[in-house]
């Protein structure tokens, strides 16, 4: 009953444990800080769970699924990162003395806009796309976690917007679990299946530990601006991907599915702060804003796609049989 309830809530497996941890941390912050296994599991486990999640995400990258699916996945990955980087640049540039743009932390902008909801993408690709669209997800898993956010923040560090830089060792510590997961997943499909299913177990525990670093006083301001962040993500990352896919002759509805923030993106600010202490003070607020964006996009994307399909020429999903029949006609 608990699992079913959480799954009915957009991003529930990530958002609900996060809020529960924040409530406990606000009301009785020391109740779980009693050292030993309890504190290690519920408070001090962010880095371990994040690393394990990266390993599981890497295992999903199937190197055998090459071809057009790689082009589609790489295109969506590039669009998400590019749009997120542009908005993050303006957030840093226009942030002023407070460091905020429209109430948004630049760290939250990059984390939310560059990480997409994989479950939502697969649902849309299954309904409107073909097997190449679904296989593209094996490339999109690379936007899970902090890697792409670290790359962007390092670029902005060179430009003078970010205090401090990520060292080479910081990148290695992120890449290594991901790489190990890729190797294991491609050597043994059973290990891939085990690791992929294991990621579902990690998410609620990771979210709770992140919540134990948040005070609910941050939620009031962070939640409202986080809704705005969700709208920006939906309109600009989803909209750009829609028109890019349309221009390339691919199914634009599938491209629009990238207008989301992943629930697991909530972990990114905390992991970034662990790698670079200059982000430590802003990470709790950024986490709340990312969580609000994840919920907002999960609710609004299905509505947006319904309207797009209704008011534009319907895009019929091509089945393998239809493709083969069309090919036969071309040959005859």
Protein backbone atom coordinates (compact mmCIF):
# COMPACT_ATOMS: atom_id res chain seq x y z
CA UNK A 1 0.00 0.00 0.00
CA UNK A 2 2.85 2.42 0.82
CA UNK A 3 4.64 1.79 -2.48
CA UNK A 4 1.43 2.17 -4.51
CA UNK A 5 0.67 5.47 -2.77
CA UNK A 6 4.17 6.83 -3.42
CA UNK A 7 3.99 5.87 -7.09
CA UNK A 8 0.72 7.78 -7.52
CA UNK A 9 2.49 10.99 -6.45
CA UNK A 10 4.63 12.62 -9.18
CA UNK A 11 8.24 11.89 -8.24
CA UNK A 12 6.90 10.38 -5.04
CA UNK A 13 9.72 7.92 -4.45
CA UNK A 14 12.14 10.83 -4.29
CA UNK A 15 10.03 13.75 -3.07
CA UNK A 16 8.12 12.14 -0.19
CA UNK A 17 11.18 10.67 1.62
CA UNK A 18 12.95 13.99 1.02
CA UNK A 19 10.15 15.95 2.71
CA UNK A 20 9.92 13.39 5.52
CA UNK A 21 13.63 13.80 6.20
CA UNK A 22 13.26 17.60 6.10
CA UNK A 23 10.38 17.49 8.60
CA UNK A 24 12.39 15.37 11.01
CA UNK A 25 15.47 17.55 10.56
CA UNK A 26 13.41 20.68 11.27
CA UNK A 27 11.48 19.41 14.28
CA UNK A 28 14.02 17.08 15.92
CA UNK A 29 17.35 17.35 14.07
CA UNK A 30 19.29 15.18 16.54
CA UNK A 31 16.85 12.28 16.79
CA UNK A 32 18.73 10.25 14.16
CA UNK A 33 22.15 11.77 14.76
CA UNK A 34 23.13 9.18 17.34
CA UNK A 35 26.19 7.86 15.52
CA UNK A 36 26.62 4.20 14.60
CA UNK A 37 24.60 2.44 11.91
CA UNK A 38 21.53 4.64 12.36
CA UNK A 39 23.29 7.91 11.59
CA UNK A 40 25.38 6.27 8.86
CA UNK A 41 22.23 5.04 7.05
CA UNK A 42 19.79 7.90 7.54
CA UNK A 43 22.03 10.99 7.75
CA UNK A 44 25.56 10.46 6.44
CA UNK A 45 24.82 8.23 3.45
CA UNK A 46 24.37 10.76 0.62
CA UNK A 47 27.74 10.21 -1.05
CA UNK A 48 27.59 6.41 -0.81
CA UNK A 49 24.05 6.16 -2.16
CA UNK A 50 24.77 8.71 -4.92
CA UNK A 51 27.84 6.74 -6.03
CA UNK A 52 25.88 3.49 -6.02
CA UNK A 53 23.10 5.12 -8.03
CA UNK A 54 25.65 6.28 -10.63
CA UNK A 55 26.93 2.72 -10.93
CA UNK A 56 23.38 1.43 -11.48
CA UNK A 57 22.68 4.20 -14.01
CA UNK A 58 25.84 3.29 -15.94
CA UNK A 59 24.69 -0.31 -16.18
CA UNK A 60 21.67 0.86 -18.21
CA UNK A 61 23.92 2.15 -21.02
CA UNK A 62 23.74 -0.64 -23.59
CA UNK A 63 26.67 -0.22 -25.99
CA UNK A 64 25.14 -2.78 -28.36
CA UNK A 65 22.17 -0.48 -29.09
CA UNK A 66 23.92 1.65 -31.68
CA UNK A 67 22.67 3.36 -34.82
CA UNK A 68 20.01 6.07 -35.11
CA UNK A 69 19.13 5.60 -31.44
CA UNK A 70 22.57 6.97 -30.50
CA UNK A 71 22.01 10.04 -32.67
CA UNK A 72 18.61 10.65 -31.09
CA UNK A 73 19.89 10.11 -27.56
CA UNK A 74 22.95 12.31 -28.11
CA UNK A 75 20.78 15.04 -29.64
CA UNK A 76 18.41 15.08 -26.68
CA UNK A 77 21.34 14.99 -24.27
CA UNK A 78 22.97 17.93 -26.04
CA UNK A 79 19.74 19.94 -26.16
CA UNK A 80 19.06 19.42 -22.45
CA UNK A 81 22.59 20.37 -21.46
CA UNK A 82 22.81 23.31 -23.86
CA UNK A 83 19.52 24.92 -22.81
CA UNK A 84 20.33 24.33 -19.13
CA UNK A 85 23.80 25.85 -19.55
CA UNK A 86 22.40 28.96 -21.28
CA UNK A 87 19.86 29.58 -18.52
CA UNK A 88 22.46 28.90 -15.83
CA UNK A 89 24.81 31.41 -17.48
CA UNK A 90 22.10 34.08 -17.32
CA UNK A 91 21.29 33.08 -13.74
CA UNK A 92 24.92 33.71 -12.76
CA UNK A 93 25.18 36.88 -14.87
CA UNK A 94 21.91 38.46 -13.69
CA UNK A 95 21.97 37.15 -10.13
CA UNK A 96 23.27 40.39 -8.67
CA UNK A 97 24.53 40.72 -5.13
CA UNK A 98 22.18 38.06 -3.78
CA UNK A 99 23.42 35.51 -6.30
CA UNK A 100 19.82 34.60 -7.21
CA UNK A 101 17.98 35.06 -10.50
CA UNK A 102 14.18 35.27 -10.18
CA UNK A 103 14.69 33.74 -6.75
CA UNK A 104 16.49 30.74 -8.27
CA UNK A 105 19.91 29.45 -7.31
CA UNK A 106 22.02 28.93 -10.47
CA UNK A 107 22.99 25.50 -9.12
CA UNK A 108 19.30 24.54 -9.04
CA UNK A 109 18.77 25.82 -12.59
CA UNK A 110 21.55 23.64 -14.00
CA UNK A 111 20.62 20.54 -11.99
CA UNK A 112 16.90 20.75 -12.78
CA UNK A 113 17.04 21.66 -16.46
CA UNK A 114 19.78 19.18 -17.45
CA UNK A 115 18.33 16.06 -15.75
CA UNK A 116 15.29 14.47 -17.40
CA UNK A 117 12.66 12.08 -16.07
CA UNK A 118 13.56 8.75 -17.68
CA UNK A 119 10.29 7.04 -16.76
CA UNK A 120 8.30 9.84 -18.36
CA UNK A 121 10.47 9.71 -21.49
CA UNK A 122 10.03 5.94 -21.86
CA UNK A 123 6.27 6.24 -21.41
CA UNK A 124 6.05 8.85 -24.19
CA UNK A 125 8.47 6.97 -26.47
CA UNK A 126 6.45 3.78 -26.03
CA UNK A 127 3.19 5.54 -26.93
CA UNK A 128 4.31 7.82 -29.76
CA UNK A 129 7.78 6.65 -30.82
CA UNK A 130 9.45 3.58 -32.26
CA UNK A 131 12.14 1.18 -31.06
CA UNK A 132 14.92 3.68 -31.89
CA UNK A 133 13.30 6.31 -29.68
CA UNK A 134 13.10 3.84 -26.82
CA UNK A 135 16.69 2.68 -27.35
CA UNK A 136 17.83 6.32 -27.18
CA UNK A 137 17.20 6.16 -23.44
CA UNK A 138 20.41 4.15 -23.05
CA UNK A 139 22.26 7.37 -23.97
CA UNK A 140 20.01 9.67 -21.94
CA UNK A 141 20.95 7.91 -18.70
CA UNK A 142 24.18 9.94 -18.85
CA UNK A 143 22.27 12.99 -17.65
CA UNK A 144 21.37 11.20 -14.42
CA UNK A 145 23.43 12.52 -11.54
CA UNK A 146 25.90 15.38 -11.14
CA UNK A 147 28.33 14.82 -14.05
CA UNK A 148 26.85 17.22 -16.63
CA UNK A 149 26.19 19.82 -13.93
CA UNK A 150 29.84 19.60 -12.85
CA UNK A 151 30.99 20.13 -16.44
CA UNK A 152 28.87 23.27 -16.82
CA UNK A 153 29.90 24.70 -13.45
CA UNK A 154 33.56 24.13 -14.28
CA UNK A 155 33.13 26.10 -17.52
CA UNK A 156 31.48 28.91 -15.58
CA UNK A 157 34.33 28.73 -13.08
CA UNK A 158 36.80 29.45 -15.87
CA UNK A 159 34.60 32.40 -16.85
CA UNK A 160 34.79 33.72 -13.29
CA UNK A 161 31.21 33.04 -12.20
CA UNK A 162 31.87 30.16 -9.81
CA UNK A 163 34.03 30.31 -6.72
CA UNK A 164 36.51 27.45 -6.83
CA UNK A 165 36.86 24.75 -9.45
CA UNK A 166 36.29 21.02 -9.60
CA UNK A 167 39.58 19.17 -9.55
CA UNK A 168 40.41 16.31 -11.91
CA UNK A 169 40.01 13.90 -8.99
CA UNK A 170 36.48 15.19 -8.38
CA UNK A 171 35.52 14.31 -11.95
CA UNK A 172 37.19 10.91 -11.65
CA UNK A 173 35.23 10.11 -8.49
CA UNK A 174 32.01 10.75 -10.44
CA UNK A 175 33.07 9.03 -13.66
CA UNK A 176 34.51 5.90 -12.07
CA UNK A 177 31.27 4.46 -10.60
CA UNK A 178 29.46 5.33 -13.85
CA UNK A 179 32.19 3.62 -15.93
CA UNK A 180 32.25 0.53 -13.73
CA UNK A 181 28.48 0.26 -14.14
CA UNK A 182 28.78 0.54 -17.95
CA UNK A 183 31.40 -2.22 -18.02
CA UNK A 184 29.47 -4.59 -15.75
CA UNK A 185 26.15 -3.97 -17.54
CA UNK A 186 27.64 -4.68 -20.96
CA UNK A 187 29.56 -7.77 -19.86
CA UNK A 188 26.56 -9.48 -18.29
CA UNK A 189 22.91 -8.70 -19.04
CA UNK A 190 21.78 -10.41 -15.82
CA UNK A 191 24.04 -8.12 -13.82
CA UNK A 192 22.59 -5.18 -15.76
CA UNK A 193 19.06 -6.22 -14.85
CA UNK A 194 20.04 -6.63 -11.20
CA UNK A 195 21.72 -3.22 -11.01
CA UNK A 196 18.91 -1.44 -12.85
CA UNK A 197 16.30 -2.87 -10.47
CA UNK A 198 18.58 -2.04 -7.55
CA UNK A 199 18.46 1.66 -8.36
CA UNK A 200 14.80 1.71 -7.29
CA UNK A 201 15.84 0.68 -3.77
CA UNK A 202 18.51 3.37 -3.52
CA UNK A 203 16.33 6.37 -4.42
CA UNK A 204 14.09 6.68 -1.30
CA UNK A 205 17.02 6.19 1.09
CA UNK A 206 19.12 8.74 -0.79
CA UNK A 207 16.21 11.18 -0.76
CA UNK A 208 15.67 10.79 2.99
CA UNK A 209 19.35 11.41 3.74
CA UNK A 210 19.22 14.55 1.58
CA UNK A 211 16.14 15.68 3.50
CA UNK A 212 18.11 15.38 6.72
CA UNK A 213 20.20 18.29 5.46
CA UNK A 214 17.21 20.57 4.79
CA UNK A 215 15.33 22.90 7.12
CA UNK A 216 11.69 23.49 6.21
CA UNK A 217 12.14 27.24 6.53
CA UNK A 218 13.86 26.99 3.15
CA UNK A 219 10.85 25.29 1.57
CA UNK A 220 8.60 28.36 1.65
CA UNK A 221 10.80 30.43 -0.64
CA UNK A 222 12.30 27.48 -2.50
CA UNK A 223 9.01 25.81 -3.33
CA UNK A 224 7.46 28.81 -5.11
CA UNK A 225 10.56 29.59 -7.17
CA UNK A 226 10.93 25.87 -7.86
CA UNK A 227 7.55 25.88 -9.61
CA UNK A 228 8.86 28.64 -11.86
CA UNK A 229 11.94 26.51 -12.54
CA UNK A 230 9.65 23.64 -13.55
CA UNK A 231 7.80 25.86 -16.00
CA UNK A 232 11.06 27.07 -17.54
CA UNK A 233 12.22 23.46 -17.88
CA UNK A 234 8.98 22.34 -19.50
CA UNK A 235 8.75 25.20 -21.99
CA UNK A 236 12.37 25.71 -22.97
CA UNK A 237 14.03 22.28 -22.77
CA UNK A 238 10.93 20.44 -23.97
CA UNK A 239 10.11 23.09 -26.56
CA UNK A 240 13.64 23.22 -27.96
CA UNK A 241 13.86 19.42 -28.19
CA UNK A 242 10.45 19.39 -29.93
CA UNK A 243 11.58 21.76 -32.69
CA UNK A 244 15.02 20.16 -33.07
CA UNK A 245 13.46 16.72 -33.53
CA UNK A 246 10.92 18.18 -35.95
CA UNK A 247 13.68 19.84 -37.96
CA UNK A 248 15.62 16.56 -38.17
CA UNK A 249 12.56 14.66 -39.38
CA UNK A 250 12.14 12.71 -36.15
CA UNK A 251 9.05 12.47 -33.98
CA UNK A 252 8.81 15.85 -32.19
CA UNK A 253 6.46 14.50 -29.52
CA UNK A 254 9.29 12.28 -28.28
CA UNK A 255 11.58 15.30 -28.19
CA UNK A 256 9.07 17.24 -26.10
CA UNK A 257 9.20 14.45 -23.50
CA UNK A 258 12.54 15.91 -22.37
CA UNK A 259 10.76 18.89 -20.80
CA UNK A 260 11.02 17.36 -17.34
CA UNK A 261 13.19 17.34 -14.24
CA UNK A 262 14.14 13.91 -12.93
CA UNK A 263 13.22 13.05 -9.36
CA UNK A 264 16.77 11.82 -8.83
CA UNK A 265 18.08 15.29 -9.83
CA UNK A 266 17.24 16.23 -6.25
CA UNK A 267 20.51 14.59 -5.20
CA UNK A 268 22.68 16.76 -7.47
CA UNK A 269 23.07 19.92 -5.30
CA UNK A 270 24.12 17.84 -2.28
CA UNK A 271 26.64 15.85 -4.30
CA UNK A 272 28.01 19.03 -5.90
CA UNK A 273 28.41 20.59 -2.45
CA UNK A 274 30.29 17.51 -1.27
CA UNK A 275 32.70 17.88 -4.20
CA UNK A 276 33.07 21.67 -3.88
CA UNK A 277 32.51 23.28 -0.48
CA UNK A 278 31.74 26.68 -2.04
CA UNK A 279 28.25 25.34 -2.86
CA UNK A 280 27.53 24.05 0.65
CA UNK A 281 25.55 27.09 1.82
CA UNK A 282 23.22 27.10 -1.19
CA UNK A 283 22.74 23.33 -1.62
CA UNK A 284 19.71 22.94 0.74
CA UNK A 285 17.71 25.66 -1.00
CA UNK A 286 18.76 24.40 -4.44
CA UNK A 287 17.63 20.90 -3.45
CA UNK A 288 14.14 22.16 -2.58
CA UNK A 289 13.90 24.11 -5.85
CA UNK A 290 14.91 21.06 -7.88
CA UNK A 291 12.35 18.92 -6.03
CA UNK A 292 9.59 21.43 -6.77
CA UNK A 293 10.62 21.48 -10.43
CA UNK A 294 10.49 17.68 -10.59
CA UNK A 295 6.92 17.61 -9.25
CA UNK A 296 5.79 20.51 -11.46
CA UNK A 297 7.09 18.99 -14.70
CA UNK A 298 5.74 15.54 -13.85
CA UNK A 299 2.25 17.03 -13.51
CA UNK A 300 2.34 19.45 -16.44
CA UNK A 301 4.17 17.45 -19.14
CA UNK A 302 1.32 14.94 -19.77
CA UNK A 303 -1.11 17.86 -20.02
CA UNK A 304 1.19 19.71 -22.43
CA UNK A 305 1.66 16.64 -24.63
CA UNK A 306 -2.09 16.05 -24.75
CA UNK A 307 -2.62 19.62 -25.97
CA UNK A 308 0.18 19.35 -28.54
CA UNK A 309 -1.26 16.15 -29.99
CA UNK A 310 -4.77 17.63 -30.00
CA UNK A 311 -3.93 20.91 -31.74
CA UNK A 312 -1.26 19.70 -34.16
CA UNK A 313 -1.34 17.02 -36.81
CA UNK A 314 -1.52 13.70 -34.93
CA UNK A 315 1.68 11.68 -35.11
CA UNK A 316 0.94 8.02 -35.59
CA UNK A 317 3.31 5.58 -33.93
CA UNK A 318 5.07 3.47 -36.53
CA UNK A 319 5.06 -0.23 -35.88
CA UNK A 320 7.74 -2.51 -37.24
CA UNK A 321 5.14 -4.11 -39.53
CA UNK A 322 4.19 -0.72 -41.01
CA UNK A 323 7.83 0.18 -41.62
CA UNK A 324 8.46 -3.16 -43.35
CA UNK A 325 5.32 -2.74 -45.48
CA UNK A 326 6.38 0.77 -46.50
CA UNK A 327 9.87 -0.52 -47.39
CA UNK A 328 8.38 -3.26 -49.54
CA UNK A 329 6.28 -0.69 -51.42
CA UNK A 330 9.36 1.45 -52.08
CA UNK A 331 11.22 -1.53 -53.49
CA UNK A 332 8.40 -2.71 -55.75
